Protein backbone atom coordinates (compact mmCIF):
# COMPACT_ATOMS: atom_id res chain seq x y z
CA MET A 1 -59.76 82.53 23.59
CA THR A 2 -62.99 82.19 25.38
CA ASP A 3 -63.83 85.81 25.48
CA LYS A 4 -63.82 86.10 21.87
CA ALA A 5 -66.00 82.76 21.32
CA ASP A 6 -68.84 84.61 19.98
CA THR A 7 -67.06 87.33 17.96
CA PHE A 8 -66.69 85.53 14.37
CA THR A 9 -68.61 87.05 11.69
CA GLY A 10 -66.72 85.57 8.76
CA PHE A 11 -63.41 86.46 6.86
CA PRO A 12 -64.15 89.54 4.84
CA ALA A 13 -63.31 89.80 1.48
CA GLU A 14 -60.10 91.82 2.13
CA THR A 15 -58.59 88.89 3.74
CA PHE A 16 -58.16 87.19 0.30
CA GLU A 17 -57.41 90.42 -1.46
CA PHE A 18 -54.58 90.80 1.21
CA TYR A 19 -52.79 87.57 0.41
CA GLU A 20 -53.46 88.51 -3.50
CA GLN A 21 -51.55 91.78 -2.91
CA LEU A 22 -48.86 90.03 -0.88
CA SER A 23 -48.26 87.57 -3.83
CA ALA A 24 -46.96 90.48 -5.65
CA ASN A 25 -45.35 92.70 -3.21
CA ASN A 26 -43.58 90.06 -0.66
CA THR A 27 -41.11 92.29 0.95
CA ARG A 28 -40.44 93.38 4.29
CA ALA A 29 -41.16 96.93 3.24
CA TRP A 30 -44.69 96.16 2.09
CA TRP A 31 -45.32 94.16 5.11
CA ALA A 32 -44.43 97.12 7.52
CA GLU A 33 -46.91 99.47 5.66
CA HIS A 34 -49.68 96.55 5.66
CA LYS A 35 -49.21 94.95 9.19
CA LEU A 36 -52.01 96.56 10.62
CA GLU A 37 -54.10 95.46 7.69
CA TYR A 38 -53.09 91.73 8.36
CA GLU A 39 -54.03 92.14 11.76
CA ARG A 40 -57.50 93.55 10.83
CA VAL A 41 -58.48 91.28 8.05
CA VAL A 42 -56.44 88.27 8.69
CA ARG A 43 -55.25 87.49 12.16
CA THR A 44 -58.32 89.08 14.08
CA PRO A 45 -61.03 86.93 12.34
CA LEU A 46 -59.07 83.72 12.60
CA MET A 47 -58.40 83.97 16.14
CA ALA A 48 -62.30 84.58 16.54
CA LEU A 49 -63.16 81.66 14.41
CA LEU A 50 -60.52 79.53 16.61
CA ALA A 51 -62.09 80.99 19.70
CA ALA A 52 -65.58 79.68 18.91
CA LEU A 53 -64.10 76.08 18.43
CA ASP A 54 -61.99 76.08 21.29
CA THR A 55 -64.50 74.45 23.64
CA GLU A 56 -64.96 71.61 21.53
CA PHE A 57 -61.51 70.94 19.97
CA GLY A 58 -59.00 72.75 22.37
CA SER A 59 -56.79 75.76 22.10
CA ALA A 60 -54.85 76.58 18.88
CA HIS A 61 -51.62 77.76 17.88
CA VAL A 62 -51.49 80.42 15.09
CA PHE A 63 -48.38 80.13 13.04
CA ARG A 64 -46.03 83.17 12.59
CA PRO A 65 -46.52 84.93 9.18
CA HIS A 66 -42.91 85.38 8.52
CA ARG A 67 -40.87 82.36 6.65
CA ASP A 68 -37.74 81.01 7.80
CA ALA A 69 -35.74 81.22 4.52
CA ARG A 70 -32.18 80.79 6.24
CA PHE A 71 -32.03 77.47 4.30
CA SER A 72 -34.28 78.08 1.17
CA LYS A 73 -33.41 79.48 -2.04
CA ASP A 74 -36.53 81.31 -1.95
CA LYS A 75 -35.92 84.22 0.07
CA THR A 76 -39.37 86.00 0.31
CA PRO A 77 -39.83 87.11 3.88
CA LEU A 78 -43.54 86.09 4.38
CA LYS A 79 -45.73 82.88 4.06
CA ASP A 80 -48.36 83.23 1.12
CA HIS A 81 -50.93 81.74 3.69
CA GLN A 82 -52.17 81.91 7.33
CA GLY A 83 -52.35 78.68 9.18
CA ALA A 84 -53.41 77.61 12.75
CA VAL A 85 -53.04 74.20 14.36
CA VAL A 86 -54.84 72.61 17.41
CA GLN A 87 -52.37 69.84 18.71
CA VAL A 88 -53.72 66.56 20.08
CA GLU A 89 -50.33 64.83 20.04
CA ASP A 90 -46.98 65.04 18.68
CA ALA A 91 -47.56 65.84 14.86
CA ILE A 92 -51.26 64.85 15.13
CA ALA A 93 -53.67 67.87 15.12
CA TYR A 94 -56.45 69.69 13.28
CA TYR A 95 -55.43 72.49 10.84
CA VAL A 96 -57.00 75.40 9.13
CA GLN A 97 -55.36 77.65 6.63
CA ILE A 98 -56.59 80.69 4.72
CA SER A 99 -54.86 82.24 1.54
CA ALA A 100 -55.63 84.04 -1.62
CA SER A 101 -57.17 80.90 -2.98
CA GLY A 102 -59.52 80.42 -0.23
CA LEU A 103 -59.78 77.91 2.85
CA MET A 104 -58.35 74.74 3.67
CA VAL A 105 -59.49 72.48 6.27
CA GLY A 106 -57.28 69.48 7.60
CA ALA A 107 -56.53 66.79 10.12
CA GLY A 108 -54.04 63.94 10.83
CA TRP A 109 -50.78 63.05 11.27
CA TYR A 110 -48.26 65.31 9.30
CA SER A 111 -45.08 64.02 10.23
CA PRO A 112 -43.52 61.02 11.61
CA GLN A 113 -41.67 61.51 14.93
CA GLY A 114 -39.93 59.19 17.05
CA GLN A 115 -41.64 55.94 17.53
CA GLN A 116 -44.96 56.94 15.57
CA LEU A 117 -44.15 55.38 12.31
CA ARG A 118 -43.34 51.87 13.84
CA ARG A 119 -46.49 52.12 16.03
CA PHE A 120 -48.46 53.17 12.92
CA ARG A 121 -47.24 50.02 10.84
CA GLU A 122 -47.85 47.69 13.90
CA SER A 123 -51.37 48.80 14.42
CA VAL A 124 -52.23 48.88 10.68
CA ASP A 125 -51.10 45.22 10.37
CA THR A 126 -53.41 44.21 13.38
CA ALA A 127 -57.23 44.13 13.79
CA VAL A 128 -57.20 47.97 14.61
CA GLY A 129 -56.03 48.40 11.19
CA GLY A 130 -59.48 47.28 9.86
CA GLU A 131 -60.75 50.13 12.08
CA LEU A 132 -58.50 52.74 10.20
CA GLU A 133 -59.58 51.27 6.86
CA ARG A 134 -63.39 51.82 7.87
CA THR A 135 -62.64 55.21 9.33
CA LEU A 136 -61.14 56.20 5.91
CA ALA A 137 -63.90 54.69 3.82
CA ALA A 138 -66.44 56.96 6.01
CA LEU A 139 -64.65 60.19 5.17
CA PRO A 140 -67.24 62.30 3.15
CA LYS A 141 -66.13 62.42 -0.59
CA ARG A 142 -64.95 66.17 -0.34
CA PHE A 143 -61.77 64.94 1.65
CA GLU A 144 -58.59 64.26 -0.18
CA VAL A 145 -56.35 61.63 1.92
CA ASP A 146 -52.65 61.93 1.67
CA GLY A 147 -50.27 59.31 3.16
CA ARG A 148 -47.06 60.37 1.04
CA PRO A 149 -46.39 56.56 0.35
CA LEU A 150 -43.39 54.74 -0.18
CA VAL A 151 -42.85 53.58 -3.61
CA THR A 152 -41.76 50.17 -2.36
CA ARG A 153 -42.97 48.05 0.62
CA PRO A 154 -41.47 49.07 3.98
CA ARG A 155 -38.93 46.63 5.37
CA GLY A 156 -40.17 43.48 7.16
CA TYR A 157 -43.75 43.63 5.47
CA ASP A 158 -44.62 41.19 2.51
CA ALA A 159 -45.63 42.84 -0.81
CA ASP A 160 -49.14 40.56 -0.74
CA ASN A 161 -50.09 41.82 2.90
CA PRO A 162 -53.63 42.96 2.45
CA ARG A 163 -52.98 46.29 3.92
CA ILE A 164 -49.85 47.09 2.27
CA GLU A 165 -51.07 50.19 0.51
CA LEU A 166 -51.81 51.49 4.17
CA LEU A 167 -48.21 50.08 5.37
CA ARG A 168 -46.78 52.16 2.75
CA TYR A 169 -47.98 55.49 4.46
CA ARG A 170 -45.48 57.87 6.37
CA MET A 171 -48.27 60.07 7.31
CA LEU A 172 -52.04 60.41 7.05
CA VAL A 173 -53.63 63.67 6.33
CA ALA A 174 -57.36 64.29 5.43
CA SER A 175 -58.03 67.89 3.83
CA SER A 176 -60.66 69.63 2.15
CA THR A 177 -60.23 72.89 0.36
CA TYR A 178 -62.80 75.66 -0.76
CA PRO A 179 -62.11 78.40 -3.19
CA ALA A 180 -62.46 82.06 -2.10
CA ALA A 181 -66.47 82.83 -2.08
CA PRO A 182 -68.73 85.34 -0.59
CA TRP A 183 -70.08 82.81 1.82
CA MET A 184 -66.65 82.95 3.88
CA GLY A 185 -67.39 86.23 4.99
CA THR A 186 -70.28 84.76 6.99
CA ARG A 187 -70.47 82.39 10.06
CA LYS A 188 -70.82 79.86 7.54
CA ALA A 189 -67.17 79.61 7.35
CA LEU A 190 -67.29 78.61 11.12
CA ASP A 191 -69.74 75.90 10.23
CA THR A 192 -67.78 74.51 7.48
CA VAL A 193 -64.66 74.41 9.86
CA ARG A 194 -66.39 72.83 12.67
CA ALA A 195 -68.31 70.08 10.23
CA ASP A 196 -65.10 69.05 8.65
CA TRP A 197 -63.11 68.82 11.93
CA ARG A 198 -66.11 66.64 13.47
CA ALA A 199 -66.07 64.55 10.17
CA MET A 200 -62.47 63.89 10.61
CA GLN A 201 -62.31 63.34 14.48
CA PRO A 202 -62.46 59.39 14.21
CA LEU A 203 -59.38 59.65 12.45
CA VAL A 204 -57.56 61.80 14.66
CA GLU A 205 -58.73 59.88 17.69
CA TRP A 206 -57.40 56.57 15.80
CA LEU A 207 -54.18 58.26 14.99
CA ALA A 208 -53.88 59.60 18.84
CA ASP A 209 -54.70 56.01 20.24
CA HIS A 210 -52.25 54.01 17.96
CA VAL A 211 -49.64 56.46 16.72
CA GLY A 212 -49.55 58.30 19.92
CA PRO A 213 -46.69 60.81 20.94
CA ALA A 214 -43.30 60.88 19.54
CA GLU A 215 -41.71 58.70 22.61
CA ASP A 216 -43.10 55.72 24.58
CA PRO A 217 -44.84 57.67 27.51
CA ALA A 218 -44.15 54.84 30.02
CA ARG A 219 -40.77 55.19 29.22
CA GLU A 220 -38.70 56.91 32.10
CA SER A 221 -36.39 59.61 31.29
């Protein structure tokens, strides 16, 4: 991506208009007619954005625009957004997404895998859980935090545990959303994503250190 590191100039208005049109024409025939438009107004600026962030955050993976509708009642073939992720550990990543509604920036641990949930709860219940509390408290107010919490307490933990709310979490993601606006057609969009990812970096680092990969890396296969 480094050859495109200085080419990002913003997401043009056509980026968001593309997804407005797609919402009303989500068919394979429409996609076939507009695929080149997708490449020009969606994928190309997104790739340039990610290239500009590559040196600081790492290489990104851009998701496919097609939906996997095999097991869904909704058979529309295309996603109503385009997302990309910079993976740090299994299910721990930085994320950015564009859609008709605008720009969404996120980071965190989005799905428990393997031993991750056990490690998360064990860490929260020790002194390093205080570090996580301070990290979350320091996030700017523009971020929304989601942990998909259990309704009840997790097994093995008392209801009066001082960190019971965190212990209920089954994931931990912070995100900010920005409605489509003219400034997204400038390099301010890059500055916004970079600033948000930097603000969320302490959370990502805590999760990488204490939730870690799905399986124990010291365990021999």
